[in-house]
Amino acid sequence: MKVPNRDMLVLVKDEFLSDDSIQHELEKINRLLVSFETSENLCAAHEVFDMNSYKKVSKKSKVQKILNTEELKPFMFIINKN
């Protein structure tokens, strides 16, 4: 699997790290993020408030179905559970 190219700001405490070791750490962080950024995890961390029918949707499969639609209905809000 190809690791995506993304912009990251990483603060390094140890000024004696070589460029190779920093690059290695960035690759490990990228691999971790790829494994965490799945649609299942996204649906587990979010819920949908449907103000049209006054319902809160928390079930993963229903949240995923709503997120897969091309356009949300008006007054449907995707909220992070944190």
C-alpha atoms as a PDB file:
ATOM      1  CA  MET A   1       0.000   0.000   0.000  1.00  0.00           C
ATOM      2  CA  LYS A   2       1.325   3.414  -0.950  1.00  0.00           C
ATOM      3  CA  VAL A   3       1.672   5.841   1.945  1.00  0.00           C
ATOM      4  CA  PRO A   4      -0.126   9.091   1.109  1.00  0.00           C
ATOM      5  CA  ASN A   5       1.851  12.284   0.829  1.00  0.00           C
ATOM      6  CA  ARG A   6       0.630  14.765   3.421  1.00  0.00           C
ATOM      7  CA  ASP A   7       1.859  17.938   5.046  1.00  0.00           C
ATOM      8  CA  MET A   8       2.797  17.476   8.677  1.00  0.00           C
ATOM      9  CA  LEU A   9       4.373  19.698  11.259  1.00  0.00           C
ATOM     10  CA  VAL A  10       6.547  17.640  13.584  1.00  0.00           C
ATOM     11  CA  LEU A  11       8.412  19.168  16.486  1.00  0.00           C
ATOM     12  CA  VAL A  12      11.621  17.361  17.355  1.00  0.00           C
ATOM     13  CA  LYS A  13      13.087  17.699  20.835  1.00  0.00           C
ATOM     14  CA  ASP A  14      16.396  16.081  20.033  1.00  0.00           C
ATOM     15  CA  GLU A  15      18.478  18.297  17.737  1.00  0.00           C
ATOM     16  CA  PHE A  16      20.955  15.457  17.201  1.00  0.00           C
ATOM     17  CA  LEU A  17      18.578  13.314  15.133  1.00  0.00           C
ATOM     18  CA  SER A  18      19.727  12.736  11.595  1.00  0.00           C
ATOM     19  CA  ASP A  19      17.555  13.436   8.585  1.00  0.00           C
ATOM     20  CA  ASP A  20      17.234   9.701   7.949  1.00  0.00           C
ATOM     21  CA  SER A  21      15.915   9.003  11.444  1.00  0.00           C
ATOM     22  CA  ILE A  22      13.427  11.885  11.187  1.00  0.00           C
ATOM     23  CA  GLN A  23      12.274  10.579   7.807  1.00  0.00           C
ATOM     24  CA  HIS A  24      11.888   7.096   9.295  1.00  0.00           C
ATOM     25  CA  GLU A  25       9.741   8.487  12.130  1.00  0.00           C
ATOM     26  CA  LEU A  26       7.564  10.384   9.632  1.00  0.00           C
ATOM     27  CA  GLU A  27       7.011   7.209   7.628  1.00  0.00           C
ATOM     28  CA  LYS A  28       5.942   5.374  10.797  1.00  0.00           C
ATOM     29  CA  ILE A  29       3.507   8.180  11.675  1.00  0.00           C
ATOM     30  CA  ASN A  30       2.085   8.058   8.141  1.00  0.00           C
ATOM     31  CA  ARG A  31       1.576   4.284   8.381  1.00  0.00           C
ATOM     32  CA  LEU A  32      -0.214   4.698  11.704  1.00  0.00           C
ATOM     33  CA  LEU A  33      -2.490   7.394  10.330  1.00  0.00           C
ATOM     34  CA  VAL A  34      -3.400   5.292   7.301  1.00  0.00           C
ATOM     35  CA  SER A  35      -4.430   2.420   9.559  1.00  0.00           C
ATOM     36  CA  PHE A  36      -6.510   4.727  11.794  1.00  0.00           C
ATOM     37  CA  GLU A  37      -8.196   6.752   9.049  1.00  0.00           C
ATOM     38  CA  THR A  38     -10.758   4.193   7.925  1.00  0.00           C
ATOM     39  CA  SER A  39     -14.422   4.758   7.205  1.00  0.00           C
ATOM     40  CA  GLU A  40     -15.352   2.402  10.047  1.00  0.00           C
ATOM     41  CA  ASN A  41     -13.387   4.476  12.552  1.00  0.00           C
ATOM     42  CA  LEU A  42     -14.845   7.678  11.125  1.00  0.00           C
ATOM     43  CA  CYS A  43     -18.374   6.354  11.591  1.00  0.00           C
ATOM     44  CA  ALA A  44     -17.588   5.209  15.115  1.00  0.00           C
ATOM     45  CA  ALA A  45     -16.314   8.661  16.081  1.00  0.00           C
ATOM     46  CA  HIS A  46     -19.205  10.645  14.566  1.00  0.00           C
ATOM     47  CA  GLU A  47     -22.955  10.774  14.789  1.00  0.00           C
ATOM     48  CA  VAL A  48     -25.590  12.499  12.696  1.00  0.00           C
ATOM     49  CA  PHE A  49     -28.225  14.852  14.037  1.00  0.00           C
ATOM     50  CA  ASP A  50     -31.256  14.946  11.763  1.00  0.00           C
ATOM     51  CA  MET A  51     -33.175  18.052  12.722  1.00  0.00           C
ATOM     52  CA  ASN A  52     -35.854  17.305  10.087  1.00  0.00           C
ATOM     53  CA  SER A  53     -37.095  14.285  12.011  1.00  0.00           C
ATOM     54  CA  TYR A  54     -35.500  15.182  15.387  1.00  0.00           C
ATOM     55  CA  LYS A  55     -33.373  12.026  15.483  1.00  0.00           C
ATOM     56  CA  LYS A  56     -29.812  11.250  16.458  1.00  0.00           C
ATOM     57  CA  VAL A  57     -28.173   8.536  14.354  1.00  0.00           C
ATOM     58  CA  SER A  58     -25.316   6.750  16.124  1.00  0.00           C
ATOM     59  CA  LYS A  59     -25.333   3.278  14.552  1.00  0.00           C
ATOM     60  CA  LYS A  60     -22.195   2.823  12.423  1.00  0.00           C
ATOM     61  CA  SER A  61     -23.965   1.346   9.410  1.00  0.00           C
ATOM     62  CA  LYS A  62     -26.552   4.144   9.287  1.00  0.00           C
ATOM     63  CA  VAL A  63     -23.921   6.846   9.744  1.00  0.00           C
ATOM     64  CA  GLN A  64     -21.882   5.306   6.930  1.00  0.00           C
ATOM     65  CA  LYS A  65     -24.941   5.226   4.663  1.00  0.00           C
ATOM     66  CA  ILE A  66     -25.594   8.911   5.354  1.00  0.00           C
ATOM     67  CA  LEU A  67     -21.943   9.843   4.795  1.00  0.00           C
ATOM     68  CA  ASN A  68     -21.905   7.984   1.470  1.00  0.00           C
ATOM     69  CA  THR A  69     -24.698  10.120   0.039  1.00  0.00           C
ATOM     70  CA  GLU A  70     -23.542  12.791  -2.378  1.00  0.00           C
ATOM     71  CA  GLU A  71     -25.312  15.612  -0.600  1.00  0.00           C
ATOM     72  CA  LEU A  72     -26.818  15.830   2.868  1.00  0.00           C
ATOM     73  CA  LYS A  73     -30.357  17.034   3.319  1.00  0.00           C
ATOM     74  CA  PRO A  74     -30.706  20.473   4.883  1.00  0.00           C
ATOM     75  CA  PHE A  75     -30.454  20.516   8.677  1.00  0.00           C
ATOM     76  CA  MET A  76     -28.562  17.223   8.929  1.00  0.00           C
ATOM     77  CA  PHE A  77     -25.403  17.706  10.939  1.00  0.00           C
ATOM     78  CA  ILE A  78     -22.380  15.431  11.299  1.00  0.00           C
ATOM     79  CA  ILE A  79     -21.044  15.829  14.829  1.00  0.00           C
ATOM     80  CA  ASN A  80     -17.849  14.427  16.333  1.00  0.00           C
ATOM     81  CA  LYS A  81     -18.525  12.520  19.567  1.00  0.00           C
ATOM     82  CA  ASN A  82     -15.441  13.919  21.273  1.00  0.00           C
END
